[in-house]
All heavy atoms as atom14 arrays in JSON, in Angstrom:
{
  "sequence": "TPQGGVMSPLLANLFLHYAFDLWMRRTYPHRRFERYADDAIVHC",
  "atom14_mask": [
    [1, 1, 1, 1, 1, 1, 1, 0, 0, 0, 0, 0, 0, 0],
    [1, 1, 1, 1, 1, 1, 1, 0, 0, 0, 0, 0, 0, 0],
    [1, 1, 1, 1, 1, 1, 1, 1, 1, 0, 0, 0, 0, 0],
    [1, 1, 1, 1, 0, 0, 0, 0, 0, 0, 0, 0, 0, 0],
    [1, 1, 1, 1, 0, 0, 0, 0, 0, 0, 0, 0, 0, 0],
    [1, 1, 1, 1, 1, 1, 1, 0, 0, 0, 0, 0, 0, 0],
    [1, 1, 1, 1, 1, 1, 1, 1, 0, 0, 0, 0, 0, 0],
    [1, 1, 1, 1, 1, 1, 0, 0, 0, 0, 0, 0, 0, 0],
    [1, 1, 1, 1, 1, 1, 1, 0, 0, 0, 0, 0, 0, 0],
    [1, 1, 1, 1, 1, 1, 1, 1, 0, 0, 0, 0, 0, 0],
    [1, 1, 1, 1, 1, 1, 1, 1, 0, 0, 0, 0, 0, 0],
    [1, 1, 1, 1, 1, 0, 0, 0, 0, 0, 0, 0, 0, 0],
    [1, 1, 1, 1, 1, 1, 1, 1, 0, 0, 0, 0, 0, 0],
    [1, 1, 1, 1, 1, 1, 1, 1, 0, 0, 0, 0, 0, 0],
    [1, 1, 1, 1, 1, 1, 1, 1, 1, 1, 1, 0, 0, 0],
    [1, 1, 1, 1, 1, 1, 1, 1, 0, 0, 0, 0, 0, 0],
    [1, 1, 1, 1, 1, 1, 1, 1, 1, 1, 0, 0, 0, 0],
    [1, 1, 1, 1, 1, 1, 1, 1, 1, 1, 1, 1, 0, 0],
    [1, 1, 1, 1, 1, 0, 0, 0, 0, 0, 0, 0, 0, 0],
    [1, 1, 1, 1, 1, 1, 1, 1, 1, 1, 1, 0, 0, 0],
    [1, 1, 1, 1, 1, 1, 1, 1, 0, 0, 0, 0, 0, 0],
    [1, 1, 1, 1, 1, 1, 1, 1, 0, 0, 0, 0, 0, 0],
    [1, 1, 1, 1, 1, 1, 1, 1, 1, 1, 1, 1, 1, 1],
    [1, 1, 1, 1, 1, 1, 1, 1, 0, 0, 0, 0, 0, 0],
    [1, 1, 1, 1, 1, 1, 1, 1, 1, 1, 1, 0, 0, 0],
    [1, 1, 1, 1, 1, 1, 1, 1, 1, 1, 1, 0, 0, 0],
    [1, 1, 1, 1, 1, 1, 1, 0, 0, 0, 0, 0, 0, 0],
    [1, 1, 1, 1, 1, 1, 1, 1, 1, 1, 1, 1, 0, 0],
    [1, 1, 1, 1, 1, 1, 1, 0, 0, 0, 0, 0, 0, 0],
    [1, 1, 1, 1, 1, 1, 1, 1, 1, 1, 0, 0, 0, 0],
    [1, 1, 1, 1, 1, 1, 1, 1, 1, 1, 1, 0, 0, 0],
    [1, 1, 1, 1, 1, 1, 1, 1, 1, 1, 1, 0, 0, 0],
    [1, 1, 1, 1, 1, 1, 1, 1, 1, 1, 1, 0, 0, 0],
    [1, 1, 1, 1, 1, 1, 1, 1, 1, 0, 0, 0, 0, 0],
    [1, 1, 1, 1, 1, 1, 1, 1, 1, 1, 1, 0, 0, 0],
    [1, 1, 1, 1, 1, 1, 1, 1, 1, 1, 1, 1, 0, 0],
    [1, 1, 1, 1, 1, 0, 0, 0, 0, 0, 0, 0, 0, 0],
    [1, 1, 1, 1, 1, 1, 1, 1, 0, 0, 0, 0, 0, 0],
    [1, 1, 1, 1, 1, 1, 1, 1, 0, 0, 0, 0, 0, 0],
    [1, 1, 1, 1, 1, 0, 0, 0, 0, 0, 0, 0, 0, 0],
    [1, 1, 1, 1, 1, 1, 1, 1, 0, 0, 0, 0, 0, 0],
    [1, 1, 1, 1, 1, 1, 1, 0, 0, 0, 0, 0, 0, 0],
    [1, 1, 1, 1, 1, 1, 1, 1, 1, 1, 0, 0, 0, 0],
    [1, 1, 1, 1, 1, 1, 0, 0, 0, 0, 0, 0, 0, 0]
  ],
  "atom14_positions": [
    [[16.94, 11.83, -24.4], [16.9, 10.46, -24.89], [15.54, 10.25, -25.51], [14.51, 10.6, -24.91], [17.19, 9.44, -23.78], [17.09, 8.1, -24.28], [16.26, 9.59, -22.61], [0.0, 0.0, 0.0], [0.0, 0.0, 0.0], [0.0, 0.0, 0.0], [0.0, 0.0, 0.0], [0.0, 0.0, 0.0], [0.0, 0.0, 0.0], [0.0, 0.0, 0.0]],
    [[15.46, 9.76, -26.76], [14.18, 9.77, -27.46], [13.12, 8.83, -26.86], [13.4, 7.69, -26.56], [14.57, 9.31, -28.88], [15.84, 8.55, -28.69], [16.55, 9.2, -27.55], [0.0, 0.0, 0.0], [0.0, 0.0, 0.0], [0.0, 0.0, 0.0], [0.0, 0.0, 0.0], [0.0, 0.0, 0.0], [0.0, 0.0, 0.0], [0.0, 0.0, 0.0]],
    [[11.92, 9.39, -26.68], [10.79, 8.54, -26.28], [10.49, 7.59, -27.43], [10.31, 8.0, -28.55], [9.57, 9.4, -25.98], [9.6, 10.08, -24.63], [8.33, 10.83, -24.37], [8.18, 11.99, -24.73], [7.4, 10.2, -23.69], [0.0, 0.0, 0.0], [0.0, 0.0, 0.0], [0.0, 0.0, 0.0], [0.0, 0.0, 0.0], [0.0, 0.0, 0.0]],
    [[10.44, 6.32, -27.12], [10.24, 5.31, -28.15], [11.4, 4.36, -28.23], [11.29, 3.26, -28.77], [0.0, 0.0, 0.0], [0.0, 0.0, 0.0], [0.0, 0.0, 0.0], [0.0, 0.0, 0.0], [0.0, 0.0, 0.0], [0.0, 0.0, 0.0], [0.0, 0.0, 0.0], [0.0, 0.0, 0.0], [0.0, 0.0, 0.0], [0.0, 0.0, 0.0]],
    [[12.54, 4.76, -27.72], [13.72, 3.89, -27.7], [13.59, 2.83, -26.62], [12.98, 3.06, -25.58], [0.0, 0.0, 0.0], [0.0, 0.0, 0.0], [0.0, 0.0, 0.0], [0.0, 0.0, 0.0], [0.0, 0.0, 0.0], [0.0, 0.0, 0.0], [0.0, 0.0, 0.0], [0.0, 0.0, 0.0], [0.0, 0.0, 0.0], [0.0, 0.0, 0.0]],
    [[14.17, 1.67, -26.85], [14.11, 0.58, -25.89], [14.8, 0.95, -24.58], [14.31, 0.63, -23.49], [14.73, -0.7, -26.48], [14.86, -1.81, -25.44], [13.93, -1.19, -27.68], [0.0, 0.0, 0.0], [0.0, 0.0, 0.0], [0.0, 0.0, 0.0], [0.0, 0.0, 0.0], [0.0, 0.0, 0.0], [0.0, 0.0, 0.0], [0.0, 0.0, 0.0]],
    [[15.92, 1.66, -24.67], [16.69, 2.01, -23.5], [16.12, 3.21, -22.74], [16.4, 3.4, -21.55], [18.14, 2.31, -23.88], [19.0, 1.12, -24.19], [19.25, 0.06, -22.78], [20.01, 1.17, -21.62], [0.0, 0.0, 0.0], [0.0, 0.0, 0.0], [0.0, 0.0, 0.0], [0.0, 0.0, 0.0], [0.0, 0.0, 0.0], [0.0, 0.0, 0.0]],
    [[15.33, 4.04, -23.41], [14.93, 5.33, -22.82], [14.24, 5.22, -21.48], [14.56, 5.97, -20.53], [14.08, 6.12, -23.82], [14.85, 6.5, -24.92], [0.0, 0.0, 0.0], [0.0, 0.0, 0.0], [0.0, 0.0, 0.0], [0.0, 0.0, 0.0], [0.0, 0.0, 0.0], [0.0, 0.0, 0.0], [0.0, 0.0, 0.0], [0.0, 0.0, 0.0]],
    [[13.22, 4.33, -21.29], [12.57, 4.26, -19.99], [13.52, 3.9, -18.86], [13.44, 4.47, -17.77], [11.5, 3.18, -20.2], [11.24, 3.16, -21.68], [12.56, 3.46, -22.3], [0.0, 0.0, 0.0], [0.0, 0.0, 0.0], [0.0, 0.0, 0.0], [0.0, 0.0, 0.0], [0.0, 0.0, 0.0], [0.0, 0.0, 0.0], [0.0, 0.0, 0.0]],
    [[14.44, 2.96, -19.11], [15.38, 2.58, -18.07], [16.33, 3.72, -17.75], [16.62, 4.01, -16.58], [16.17, 1.33, -18.5], [17.21, 0.82, -17.51], [16.57, 0.4, -16.18], [17.99, -0.38, -18.11], [0.0, 0.0, 0.0], [0.0, 0.0, 0.0], [0.0, 0.0, 0.0], [0.0, 0.0, 0.0], [0.0, 0.0, 0.0], [0.0, 0.0, 0.0]],
    [[16.83, 4.4, -18.77], [17.72, 5.53, -18.55], [17.01, 6.68, -17.83], [17.58, 7.34, -16.97], [18.3, 6.01, -19.86], [19.21, 5.02, -20.6], [19.67, 5.6, -21.93], [20.41, 4.64, -19.75], [0.0, 0.0, 0.0], [0.0, 0.0, 0.0], [0.0, 0.0, 0.0], [0.0, 0.0, 0.0], [0.0, 0.0, 0.0], [0.0, 0.0, 0.0]],
    [[15.74, 6.89, -18.18], [14.95, 7.94, -17.5], [14.77, 7.6, -16.03], [14.9, 8.48, -15.15], [13.59, 8.08, -18.18], [0.0, 0.0, 0.0], [0.0, 0.0, 0.0], [0.0, 0.0, 0.0], [0.0, 0.0, 0.0], [0.0, 0.0, 0.0], [0.0, 0.0, 0.0], [0.0, 0.0, 0.0], [0.0, 0.0, 0.0], [0.0, 0.0, 0.0]],
    [[14.48, 6.35, -15.72], [14.33, 5.94, -14.32], [15.64, 6.08, -13.56], [15.67, 6.51, -12.41], [13.85, 4.49, -14.26], [12.35, 4.37, -14.25], [11.63, 5.3, -13.82], [11.82, 3.23, -14.69], [0.0, 0.0, 0.0], [0.0, 0.0, 0.0], [0.0, 0.0, 0.0], [0.0, 0.0, 0.0], [0.0, 0.0, 0.0], [0.0, 0.0, 0.0]],
    [[16.76, 5.74, -14.21], [18.07, 5.87, -13.56], [18.36, 7.33, -13.29], [18.85, 7.68, -12.2], [19.15, 5.25, -14.47], [20.57, 5.29, -13.91], [20.66, 4.56, -12.56], [21.55, 4.69, -14.92], [0.0, 0.0, 0.0], [0.0, 0.0, 0.0], [0.0, 0.0, 0.0], [0.0, 0.0, 0.0], [0.0, 0.0, 0.0], [0.0, 0.0, 0.0]],
    [[18.07, 8.21, -14.24], [18.32, 9.64, -14.03], [17.48, 10.18, -12.88], [18.0, 10.85, -11.96], [17.98, 10.4, -15.32], [18.4, 11.84, -15.28], [19.64, 12.23, -15.79], [17.57, 12.82, -14.76], [20.03, 13.58, -15.76], [17.95, 14.15, -14.73], [19.17, 14.53, -15.23], [0.0, 0.0, 0.0], [0.0, 0.0, 0.0], [0.0, 0.0, 0.0]],
    [[16.17, 9.89, -12.86], [15.3, 10.4, -11.82], [15.52, 9.69, -10.48], [15.13, 10.24, -9.44], [13.84, 10.29, -12.25], [13.41, 11.31, -13.3], [11.99, 11.04, -13.76], [13.53, 12.73, -12.76], [0.0, 0.0, 0.0], [0.0, 0.0, 0.0], [0.0, 0.0, 0.0], [0.0, 0.0, 0.0], [0.0, 0.0, 0.0], [0.0, 0.0, 0.0]],
    [[16.12, 8.53, -10.48], [16.49, 7.88, -9.23], [17.4, 8.78, -8.42], [17.25, 8.91, -7.2], [17.15, 6.53, -9.54], [17.7, 5.84, -8.32], [16.9, 5.32, -7.33], [18.99, 5.6, -7.93], [17.64, 4.76, -6.39], [18.92, 4.93, -6.74], [0.0, 0.0, 0.0], [0.0, 0.0, 0.0], [0.0, 0.0, 0.0], [0.0, 0.0, 0.0]],
    [[18.34, 9.4, -9.11], [19.28, 10.31, -8.42], [18.74, 11.74, -8.34], [18.89, 12.41, -7.33], [20.64, 10.31, -9.12], [21.4, 9.03, -8.87], [21.42, 8.0, -9.84], [22.06, 8.82, -7.67], [22.12, 6.82, -9.6], [22.76, 7.63, -7.41], [22.78, 6.64, -8.38], [23.43, 5.46, -8.12], [0.0, 0.0, 0.0], [0.0, 0.0, 0.0]],
    [[18.09, 12.19, -9.42], [17.63, 13.59, -9.47], [16.46, 13.83, -8.53], [16.32, 14.94, -7.98], [17.26, 13.97, -10.88], [0.0, 0.0, 0.0], [0.0, 0.0, 0.0], [0.0, 0.0, 0.0], [0.0, 0.0, 0.0], [0.0, 0.0, 0.0], [0.0, 0.0, 0.0], [0.0, 0.0, 0.0], [0.0, 0.0, 0.0], [0.0, 0.0, 0.0]],
    [[15.63, 12.81, -8.32], [14.41, 13.02, -7.53], [14.25, 12.03, -6.38], [14.16, 12.44, -5.22], [13.17, 12.93, -8.44], [11.88, 13.15, -7.75], [11.49, 14.43, -7.35], [11.03, 12.08, -7.44], [10.28, 14.64, -6.68], [9.84, 12.27, -6.78], [9.45, 13.56, -6.4], [0.0, 0.0, 0.0], [0.0, 0.0, 0.0], [0.0, 0.0, 0.0]],
    [[14.23, 10.73, -6.66], [13.87, 9.74, -5.65], [14.79, 9.79, -4.42], [14.33, 9.9, -3.29], [13.88, 8.33, -6.25], [12.89, 8.17, -7.42], [12.1, 9.1, -7.63], [12.94, 7.15, -8.09], [0.0, 0.0, 0.0], [0.0, 0.0, 0.0], [0.0, 0.0, 0.0], [0.0, 0.0, 0.0], [0.0, 0.0, 0.0], [0.0, 0.0, 0.0]],
    [[16.09, 9.66, -4.66], [17.04, 9.64, -3.54], [17.09, 11.01, -2.87], [17.26, 11.11, -1.63], [18.43, 9.22, -4.0], [18.59, 7.76, -4.42], [20.07, 7.45, -4.66], [18.04, 6.82, -3.34], [0.0, 0.0, 0.0], [0.0, 0.0, 0.0], [0.0, 0.0, 0.0], [0.0, 0.0, 0.0], [0.0, 0.0, 0.0], [0.0, 0.0, 0.0]],
    [[16.95, 12.05, -3.67], [16.94, 13.4, -3.09], [15.74, 13.57, -2.16], [15.87, 14.14, -1.06], [16.89, 14.44, -4.21], [16.8, 15.84, -3.73], [17.83, 16.67, -3.34], [15.61, 16.62, -3.56], [17.35, 17.89, -2.95], [15.98, 17.89, -3.08], [14.25, 16.35, -3.75], [15.05, 18.9, -2.78], [13.33, 17.35, -3.49], [13.72, 18.6, -3.0]],
    [[14.57, 13.09, -2.57], [13.39, 13.14, -1.69], [13.61, 12.37, -0.41], [13.24, 12.82, 0.7], [12.16, 12.61, -2.43], [11.52, 13.57, -3.39], [10.71, 14.98, -2.61], [9.41, 14.16, -1.65], [0.0, 0.0, 0.0], [0.0, 0.0, 0.0], [0.0, 0.0, 0.0], [0.0, 0.0, 0.0], [0.0, 0.0, 0.0], [0.0, 0.0, 0.0]],
    [[14.24, 11.21, -0.56], [14.49, 10.37, 0.64], [15.41, 11.1, 1.63], [15.21, 11.03, 2.84], [15.11, 9.04, 0.21], [15.42, 8.11, 1.37], [15.99, 6.79, 0.83], [14.96, 5.94, 0.29], [15.21, 4.81, -0.39], [16.45, 4.44, -0.63], [14.2, 4.08, -0.83], [0.0, 0.0, 0.0], [0.0, 0.0, 0.0], [0.0, 0.0, 0.0]],
    [[16.39, 11.83, 1.11], [17.31, 12.58, 1.98], [16.68, 13.83, 2.54], [16.82, 14.16, 3.72], [18.59, 12.95, 1.21], [19.48, 11.83, 0.8], [20.84, 12.39, 0.33], [20.7, 13.44, -0.7], [20.67, 13.19, -2.0], [20.79, 11.96, -2.45], [20.57, 14.2, -2.87], [0.0, 0.0, 0.0], [0.0, 0.0, 0.0], [0.0, 0.0, 0.0]],
    [[15.99, 14.59, 1.68], [15.52, 15.94, 2.02], [14.18, 15.93, 2.75], [13.97, 16.7, 3.69], [15.42, 16.8, 0.74], [16.63, 16.67, -0.01], [15.19, 18.26, 1.09], [0.0, 0.0, 0.0], [0.0, 0.0, 0.0], [0.0, 0.0, 0.0], [0.0, 0.0, 0.0], [0.0, 0.0, 0.0], [0.0, 0.0, 0.0], [0.0, 0.0, 0.0]],
    [[13.28, 15.07, 2.32], [11.95, 14.96, 2.92], [11.63, 13.48, 3.21], [10.77, 12.88, 2.54], [10.88, 15.55, 2.0], [11.04, 17.05, 1.77], [11.62, 17.55, 0.62], [10.57, 17.96, 2.73], [11.77, 18.92, 0.43], [10.71, 19.32, 2.55], [11.32, 19.8, 1.41], [11.45, 21.17, 1.23], [0.0, 0.0, 0.0], [0.0, 0.0, 0.0]],
    [[12.33, 12.91, 4.17], [12.18, 11.47, 4.43], [10.76, 11.08, 4.86], [10.4, 9.9, 4.7], [13.19, 11.2, 5.53], [13.42, 12.53, 6.2], [13.29, 13.54, 5.11], [0.0, 0.0, 0.0], [0.0, 0.0, 0.0], [0.0, 0.0, 0.0], [0.0, 0.0, 0.0], [0.0, 0.0, 0.0], [0.0, 0.0, 0.0], [0.0, 0.0, 0.0]],
    [[9.96, 12.01, 5.36], [8.63, 11.68, 5.83], [7.54, 12.04, 4.8], [6.35, 11.84, 5.07], [8.33, 12.37, 7.16], [9.32, 12.04, 8.23], [9.49, 10.76, 8.71], [10.23, 12.82, 8.89], [10.45, 10.77, 9.64], [10.89, 12.01, 9.77], [0.0, 0.0, 0.0], [0.0, 0.0, 0.0], [0.0, 0.0, 0.0], [0.0, 0.0, 0.0]],
    [[7.93, 12.58, 3.66], [6.95, 12.92, 2.65], [6.89, 11.81, 1.61], [7.88, 11.49, 0.93], [7.32, 14.24, 1.95], [7.16, 15.47, 2.8], [5.75, 15.69, 3.29], [5.54, 15.16, 4.65], [4.49, 14.47, 5.03], [3.54, 14.16, 4.18], [4.4, 14.04, 6.27], [0.0, 0.0, 0.0], [0.0, 0.0, 0.0], [0.0, 0.0, 0.0]],
    [[5.75, 11.17, 1.5], [5.59, 10.06, 0.58], [5.25, 10.55, -0.83], [4.63, 11.61, -0.98], [4.52, 9.09, 1.1], [4.91, 8.47, 2.44], [3.79, 7.64, 3.03], [2.63, 8.45, 3.33], [1.52, 7.95, 3.88], [1.42, 6.66, 4.16], [0.48, 8.76, 4.14], [0.0, 0.0, 0.0], [0.0, 0.0, 0.0], [0.0, 0.0, 0.0]],
    [[5.63, 9.78, -1.8], [5.37, 10.15, -3.21], [5.16, 8.89, -4.03], [5.49, 7.76, -3.61], [6.51, 10.99, -3.77], [7.8, 10.22, -3.95], [8.07, 9.52, -5.13], [8.78, 10.23, -2.95], [9.24, 8.8, -5.27], [9.96, 9.52, -3.09], [10.19, 8.81, -4.27], [0.0, 0.0, 0.0], [0.0, 0.0, 0.0], [0.0, 0.0, 0.0]],
    [[4.58, 9.08, -5.22], [4.51, 8.05, -6.25], [5.06, 8.67, -7.53], [4.72, 9.8, -7.86], [3.09, 7.55, -6.51], [2.46, 6.82, -5.33], [1.86, 7.79, -4.34], [1.27, 8.81, -4.77], [1.97, 7.55, -3.11], [0.0, 0.0, 0.0], [0.0, 0.0, 0.0], [0.0, 0.0, 0.0], [0.0, 0.0, 0.0], [0.0, 0.0, 0.0]],
    [[5.9, 7.9, -8.22], [6.44, 8.37, -9.49], [6.22, 7.3, -10.54], [6.58, 6.14, -10.34], [7.92, 8.72, -9.38], [8.49, 9.23, -10.71], [9.93, 9.69, -10.57], [10.86, 8.62, -10.24], [11.33, 7.73, -11.14], [10.96, 7.76, -12.39], [12.19, 6.81, -10.76], [0.0, 0.0, 0.0], [0.0, 0.0, 0.0], [0.0, 0.0, 0.0]],
    [[5.63, 7.69, -11.66], [5.49, 6.82, -12.82], [6.22, 7.47, -13.96], [5.72, 8.43, -14.55], [4.01, 6.57, -13.15], [3.82, 5.49, -14.19], [3.77, 4.16, -13.81], [3.77, 5.79, -15.54], [3.63, 3.15, -14.76], [3.63, 4.8, -16.5], [3.56, 3.49, -16.09], [3.43, 2.48, -17.03], [0.0, 0.0, 0.0], [0.0, 0.0, 0.0]],
    [[7.44, 7.01, -14.25], [8.32, 7.63, -15.21], [8.53, 9.11, -14.8], [8.97, 9.35, -13.67], [7.77, 7.53, -16.64], [0.0, 0.0, 0.0], [0.0, 0.0, 0.0], [0.0, 0.0, 0.0], [0.0, 0.0, 0.0], [0.0, 0.0, 0.0], [0.0, 0.0, 0.0], [0.0, 0.0, 0.0], [0.0, 0.0, 0.0], [0.0, 0.0, 0.0]],
    [[8.19, 10.08, -15.63], [8.4, 11.48, -15.26], [7.15, 12.12, -14.66], [7.11, 13.34, -14.45], [8.86, 12.28, -16.47], [7.84, 12.27, -17.61], [7.16, 11.24, -17.78], [7.75, 13.26, -18.34], [0.0, 0.0, 0.0], [0.0, 0.0, 0.0], [0.0, 0.0, 0.0], [0.0, 0.0, 0.0], [0.0, 0.0, 0.0], [0.0, 0.0, 0.0]],
    [[6.14, 11.32, -14.35], [4.89, 11.81, -13.76], [4.92, 11.48, -12.27], [4.93, 10.3, -11.89], [3.71, 11.14, -14.46], [2.36, 11.78, -14.12], [2.38, 12.79, -13.4], [1.34, 11.26, -14.58], [0.0, 0.0, 0.0], [0.0, 0.0, 0.0], [0.0, 0.0, 0.0], [0.0, 0.0, 0.0], [0.0, 0.0, 0.0], [0.0, 0.0, 0.0]],
    [[4.91, 12.51, -11.41], [5.06, 12.27, -9.97], [4.14, 13.15, -9.17], [3.8, 14.27, -9.59], [6.52, 12.49, -9.54], [0.0, 0.0, 0.0], [0.0, 0.0, 0.0], [0.0, 0.0, 0.0], [0.0, 0.0, 0.0], [0.0, 0.0, 0.0], [0.0, 0.0, 0.0], [0.0, 0.0, 0.0], [0.0, 0.0, 0.0], [0.0, 0.0, 0.0]],
    [[3.72, 12.64, -8.0], [2.95, 13.42, -7.03], [3.56, 13.22, -5.65], [4.07, 12.14, -5.34], [1.46, 13.03, -7.01], [1.29, 11.53, -6.72], [0.79, 13.39, -8.33], [-0.16, 11.11, -6.54], [0.0, 0.0, 0.0], [0.0, 0.0, 0.0], [0.0, 0.0, 0.0], [0.0, 0.0, 0.0], [0.0, 0.0, 0.0], [0.0, 0.0, 0.0]],
    [[3.53, 14.28, -4.82], [4.06, 14.25, -3.47], [2.93, 14.6, -2.51], [2.21, 15.59, -2.73], [5.22, 15.22, -3.29], [5.78, 15.14, -1.87], [6.33, 14.95, -4.31], [0.0, 0.0, 0.0], [0.0, 0.0, 0.0], [0.0, 0.0, 0.0], [0.0, 0.0, 0.0], [0.0, 0.0, 0.0], [0.0, 0.0, 0.0], [0.0, 0.0, 0.0]],
    [[2.79, 13.82, -1.43], [1.7, 14.03, -0.46], [2.2, 14.89, 0.69], [3.28, 14.61, 1.25], [1.21, 12.67, 0.05], [0.72, 11.76, -1.03], [-0.57, 11.77, -1.49], [1.38, 10.83, -1.78], [-0.7, 10.86, -2.44], [0.45, 10.27, -2.64], [0.0, 0.0, 0.0], [0.0, 0.0, 0.0], [0.0, 0.0, 0.0], [0.0, 0.0, 0.0]],
    [[1.41, 15.88, 1.06], [1.81, 16.81, 2.13], [0.66, 16.97, 3.14], [-0.5, 16.78, 2.8], [2.18, 18.16, 1.55], [3.59, 18.13, 0.4], [0.0, 0.0, 0.0], [0.0, 0.0, 0.0], [0.0, 0.0, 0.0], [0.0, 0.0, 0.0], [0.0, 0.0, 0.0], [0.0, 0.0, 0.0], [0.0, 0.0, 0.0], [0.0, 0.0, 0.0]]
  ]
}
């Protein structure tokens, strides 16, 4: 989805909500993270 489109940031967040955020919550519930669009860090 092209960077610069009005919909792209929302669609990117929706994709990573399932691909990363919810997966982290299920797989590593005690590992905290911050995600800003596609830029993310995980604390260990």
